[in-house]
C-alpha atoms as a PDB file:
ATOM      1  CA  MET A   1     185.114 156.136 138.714  1.00  0.00           C
ATOM      2  CA  ALA A   2     188.618 157.045 137.502  1.00  0.00           C
ATOM      3  CA  ASP A   3     188.943 153.628 135.834  1.00  0.00           C
ATOM      4  CA  ALA A   4     185.802 154.257 133.778  1.00  0.00           C
ATOM      5  CA  VAL A   5     187.131 157.624 132.608  1.00  0.00           C
ATOM      6  CA  ASP A   6     190.523 156.113 131.743  1.00  0.00           C
ATOM      7  CA  SER A   7     188.825 153.305 129.828  1.00  0.00           C
ATOM      8  CA  ASP A   8     186.721 155.811 127.868  1.00  0.00           C
ATOM      9  CA  MET A   9     189.838 157.802 126.979  1.00  0.00           C
ATOM     10  CA  ILE A  10     191.597 154.662 125.721  1.00  0.00           C
ATOM     11  CA  ASP A  11     188.536 153.789 123.621  1.00  0.00           C
ATOM     12  CA  ASP A  12     188.434 157.340 122.224  1.00  0.00           C
ATOM     13  CA  ASP A  13     192.138 157.132 121.355  1.00  0.00           C
ATOM     14  CA  ARG A  14     191.547 153.887 119.448  1.00  0.00           C
ATOM     15  CA  ALA A  15     188.134 154.694 117.943  1.00  0.00           C
ATOM     16  CA  LEU A  16     189.373 155.153 114.379  1.00  0.00           C
ATOM     17  CA  THR A  17     191.547 152.029 114.576  1.00  0.00           C
ATOM     18  CA  ILE A  18     188.542 150.066 115.804  1.00  0.00           C
ATOM     19  CA  GLU A  19     186.448 151.500 112.965  1.00  0.00           C
ATOM     20  CA  ALA A  20     189.191 150.670 110.437  1.00  0.00           C
ATOM     21  CA  ASN A  21     189.225 147.054 111.620  1.00  0.00           C
ATOM     22  CA  GLU A  22     185.452 146.879 111.210  1.00  0.00           C
ATOM     23  CA  VAL A  23     185.718 148.371 107.723  1.00  0.00           C
ATOM     24  CA  ILE A  24     188.262 145.708 106.775  1.00  0.00           C
ATOM     25  CA  ARG A  25     185.995 142.965 108.060  1.00  0.00           C
ATOM     26  CA  GLU A  26     183.004 144.369 106.175  1.00  0.00           C
ATOM     27  CA  ILE A  27     184.621 144.914 102.755  1.00  0.00           C
ATOM     28  CA  ALA A  28     187.050 141.976 102.594  1.00  0.00           C
ATOM     29  CA  TYR A  29     184.608 139.919 100.513  1.00  0.00           C
ATOM     30  CA  ALA A  30     184.463 142.607  97.803  1.00  0.00           C
ATOM     31  CA  VAL A  31     188.131 143.541  97.350  1.00  0.00           C
ATOM     32  CA  LYS A  32     191.284 141.544  96.614  1.00  0.00           C
ATOM     33  CA  PHE A  33     193.283 142.813  99.570  1.00  0.00           C
ATOM     34  CA  VAL A  34     192.740 145.105 102.543  1.00  0.00           C
ATOM     35  CA  GLU A  35     194.712 145.821 105.729  1.00  0.00           C
ATOM     36  CA  ILE A  36     195.642 148.651 108.077  1.00  0.00           C
ATOM     37  CA  SER A  37     199.003 150.100 107.086  1.00  0.00           C
ATOM     38  CA  THR A  38     201.805 148.872 109.301  1.00  0.00           C
ATOM     39  CA  THR A  39     204.211 151.421 107.818  1.00  0.00           C
ATOM     40  CA  ILE A  40     202.246 154.618 108.445  1.00  0.00           C
ATOM     41  CA  PRO A  41     201.518 154.838 112.175  1.00  0.00           C
ATOM     42  CA  ALA A  42     197.908 155.348 113.227  1.00  0.00           C
ATOM     43  CA  THR A  43     197.123 158.369 115.367  1.00  0.00           C
ATOM     44  CA  THR A  44     194.065 159.400 117.324  1.00  0.00           C
ATOM     45  CA  ASN A  45     192.845 161.312 114.246  1.00  0.00           C
ATOM     46  CA  LEU A  46     194.161 159.264 111.293  1.00  0.00           C
ATOM     47  CA  VAL A  47     194.367 155.627 110.232  1.00  0.00           C
ATOM     48  CA  TYR A  48     195.621 154.446 106.856  1.00  0.00           C
ATOM     49  CA  ILE A  49     194.222 151.431 105.031  1.00  0.00           C
ATOM     50  CA  ASN A  50     195.921 149.703 102.094  1.00  0.00           C
ATOM     51  CA  LEU A  51     193.550 148.051  99.658  1.00  0.00           C
ATOM     52  CA  THR A  52     193.443 146.520  96.228  1.00  0.00           C
ATOM     53  CA  THR A  53     190.228 146.488  94.264  1.00  0.00           C
ATOM     54  CA  LYS A  54     189.199 143.506  92.182  1.00  0.00           C
ATOM     55  CA  GLU A  55     190.476 145.473  89.184  1.00  0.00           C
ATOM     56  CA  ASN A  56     193.982 145.372  90.769  1.00  0.00           C
ATOM     57  CA  GLN A  57     193.906 149.072  91.582  1.00  0.00           C
ATOM     58  CA  HIS A  58     196.120 149.684  94.641  1.00  0.00           C
ATOM     59  CA  MET A  59     195.392 152.561  96.968  1.00  0.00           C
ATOM     60  CA  CYS A  60     196.162 153.950 100.380  1.00  0.00           C
ATOM     61  CA  VAL A  61     192.998 155.255 102.030  1.00  0.00           C
ATOM     62  CA  GLU A  62     193.000 157.713 104.899  1.00  0.00           C
ATOM     63  CA  LEU A  63     190.315 157.351 107.563  1.00  0.00           C
ATOM     64  CA  SER A  64     189.744 160.496 109.609  1.00  0.00           C
ATOM     65  CA  LEU A  65     186.858 162.223 111.327  1.00  0.00           C
ATOM     66  CA  GLN A  66     186.049 163.766 107.920  1.00  0.00           C
ATOM     67  CA  GLY A  67     185.587 160.301 106.410  1.00  0.00           C
ATOM     68  CA  PHE A  68     187.527 158.230 103.881  1.00  0.00           C
ATOM     69  CA  ARG A  69     189.738 159.531 101.090  1.00  0.00           C
ATOM     70  CA  VAL A  70     192.360 158.092  98.799  1.00  0.00           C
ATOM     71  CA  VAL A  71     195.764 159.647  99.532  1.00  0.00           C
ATOM     72  CA  SER A  72     197.839 157.612  97.088  1.00  0.00           C
ATOM     73  CA  MET A  73     197.596 154.938  94.430  1.00  0.00           C
ATOM     74  CA  GLU A  74     200.345 153.009  96.234  1.00  0.00           C
ATOM     75  CA  TYR A  75     200.352 151.158  99.534  1.00  0.00           C
ATOM     76  CA  ASP A  76     201.817 152.966 102.529  1.00  0.00           C
ATOM     77  CA  LYS A  77     202.244 156.286 100.726  1.00  0.00           C
ATOM     78  CA  ILE A  78     200.748 159.695 101.362  1.00  0.00           C
ATOM     79  CA  ASN A  79     200.994 161.899  98.307  1.00  0.00           C
ATOM     80  CA  PRO A  80     200.221 165.495  99.341  1.00  0.00           C
ATOM     81  CA  GLU A  81     199.700 166.402  95.674  1.00  0.00           C
ATOM     82  CA  TYR A  82     197.057 163.716  95.173  1.00  0.00           C
ATOM     83  CA  ILE A  83     193.645 165.393  95.311  1.00  0.00           C
ATOM     84  CA  SER A  84     190.712 163.251  96.426  1.00  0.00           C
ATOM     85  CA  ARG A  85     187.395 164.068  97.992  1.00  0.00           C
ATOM     86  CA  HIS A  86     186.234 162.688 101.337  1.00  0.00           C
ATOM     87  CA  TYR A  87     183.548 160.006 101.354  1.00  0.00           C
ATOM     88  CA  GLU A  88     181.274 159.453 104.307  1.00  0.00           C
ATOM     89  CA  THR A  89     181.598 155.664 104.020  1.00  0.00           C
ATOM     90  CA  ILE A  90     184.073 153.198 102.574  1.00  0.00           C
ATOM     91  CA  TYR A  91     181.168 151.807 100.550  1.00  0.00           C
ATOM     92  CA  SER A  92     180.639 155.092  98.710  1.00  0.00           C
ATOM     93  CA  LEU A  93     184.374 155.413  98.070  1.00  0.00           C
ATOM     94  CA  LEU A  94     184.527 151.899  96.598  1.00  0.00           C
ATOM     95  CA  ASP A  95     181.307 152.433  94.688  1.00  0.00           C
ATOM     96  CA  SER A  96     182.858 155.426  92.934  1.00  0.00           C
ATOM     97  CA  ARG A  97     186.147 153.667  92.119  1.00  0.00           C
ATOM     98  CA  SER A  98     185.414 149.995  91.478  1.00  0.00           C
ATOM     99  CA  GLU A  99     182.905 148.520  89.047  1.00  0.00           C
ATOM    100  CA  GLU A 100     183.754 145.051  90.390  1.00  0.00           C
ATOM    101  CA  TYR A 101     182.915 146.219  93.916  1.00  0.00           C
ATOM    102  CA  ARG A 102     179.475 147.292  92.699  1.00  0.00           C
ATOM    103  CA  SER A 103     178.980 143.972  90.897  1.00  0.00           C
ATOM    104  CA  THR A 104     180.080 141.933  93.914  1.00  0.00           C
ATOM    105  CA  PHE A 105     177.910 143.997  96.225  1.00  0.00           C
ATOM    106  CA  CYS A 106     174.845 143.594  93.997  1.00  0.00           C
ATOM    107  CA  GLU A 107     175.433 139.859  93.534  1.00  0.00           C
ATOM    108  CA  THR A 108     175.852 139.355  97.280  1.00  0.00           C
ATOM    109  CA  LEU A 109     172.739 141.392  98.023  1.00  0.00           C
ATOM    110  CA  SER A 110     170.781 139.429  95.434  1.00  0.00           C
ATOM    111  CA  ASN A 111     171.923 136.132  96.974  1.00  0.00           C
ATOM    112  CA  LYS A 112     170.941 137.318 100.446  1.00  0.00           C
ATOM    113  CA  LEU A 113     167.494 138.330  99.230  1.00  0.00           C
ATOM    114  CA  LEU A 114     167.007 135.006  97.418  1.00  0.00           C
ATOM    115  CA  ASN A 115     167.968 133.134 100.593  1.00  0.00           C
ATOM    116  CA  LEU A 116     165.561 135.265 102.547  1.00  0.00           C
ATOM    117  CA  GLN A 117     162.797 134.539 100.060  1.00  0.00           C
ATOM    118  CA  ARG A 118     163.523 130.784  99.917  1.00  0.00           C
ATOM    119  CA  PHE A 119     164.372 130.020 103.507  1.00  0.00           C
ATOM    120  CA  GLY A 120     162.939 132.905 105.497  1.00  0.00           C
ATOM    121  CA  HIS A 121     166.372 133.876 106.858  1.00  0.00           C
ATOM    122  CA  ILE A 122     169.797 135.012 105.717  1.00  0.00           C
ATOM    123  CA  ASP A 123     172.781 132.757 106.326  1.00  0.00           C
ATOM    124  CA  ALA A 124     175.577 135.182 107.261  1.00  0.00           C
ATOM    125  CA  ALA A 125     178.209 132.457 106.971  1.00  0.00           C
ATOM    126  CA  THR A 126     177.556 131.922 103.253  1.00  0.00           C
ATOM    127  CA  SER A 127     176.251 135.320 102.204  1.00  0.00           C
ATOM    128  CA  GLY A 128     179.617 137.044 101.784  1.00  0.00           C
ATOM    129  CA  TRP A 129     178.906 139.684 104.383  1.00  0.00           C
ATOM    130  CA  ALA A 130     180.401 139.484 107.828  1.00  0.00           C
ATOM    131  CA  ASP A 131     177.064 140.002 109.534  1.00  0.00           C
ATOM    132  CA  ASP A 132     173.412 140.531 108.742  1.00  0.00           C
ATOM    133  CA  ASP A 133     173.648 144.325 108.632  1.00  0.00           C
ATOM    134  CA  THR A 134     171.417 145.285 105.723  1.00  0.00           C
ATOM    135  CA  SER A 135     171.595 149.008 106.328  1.00  0.00           C
ATOM    136  CA  ASP A 136     171.210 151.387 103.413  1.00  0.00           C
ATOM    137  CA  ASP A 137     174.673 152.903 103.800  1.00  0.00           C
ATOM    138  CA  GLN A 138     176.563 149.905 102.390  1.00  0.00           C
ATOM    139  CA  MET A 139     176.442 151.209  98.847  1.00  0.00           C
ATOM    140  CA  ASP A 140     175.463 154.458  97.253  1.00  0.00           C
ATOM    141  CA  THR A 141     173.457 153.765  94.140  1.00  0.00           C
ATOM    142  CA  LYS A 142     173.584 155.970  91.112  1.00  0.00           C
END
């Protein structure tokens, strides 16, 4: 029984890092670059993600229990004077900051739907998305 509790505590300690890795996997097709910061250490409550949009906009994004927020327009930097709201998902953050993200997302969704219409299934390997998750929270529409 103690092993199960210890395992749960380890998973809780790494939950945000695990989520950050999933985020990277899910958005890689729609940005130029994305990785967990190796300069700013992850904690139980905070993980930092460096990303570059298709418009070449660099940013350091903080992932916390409050959500995602940009903390700097440079990799591996936290600017306490930089004011940015929290977003519930990385998709909504990117949707608000990158026109090319929106275009790529819409094009990928359109291709998936065409494949579904033509072939009766979605080929995850060629669709641009890491899996067949078609949940509504992948992009906030305006």
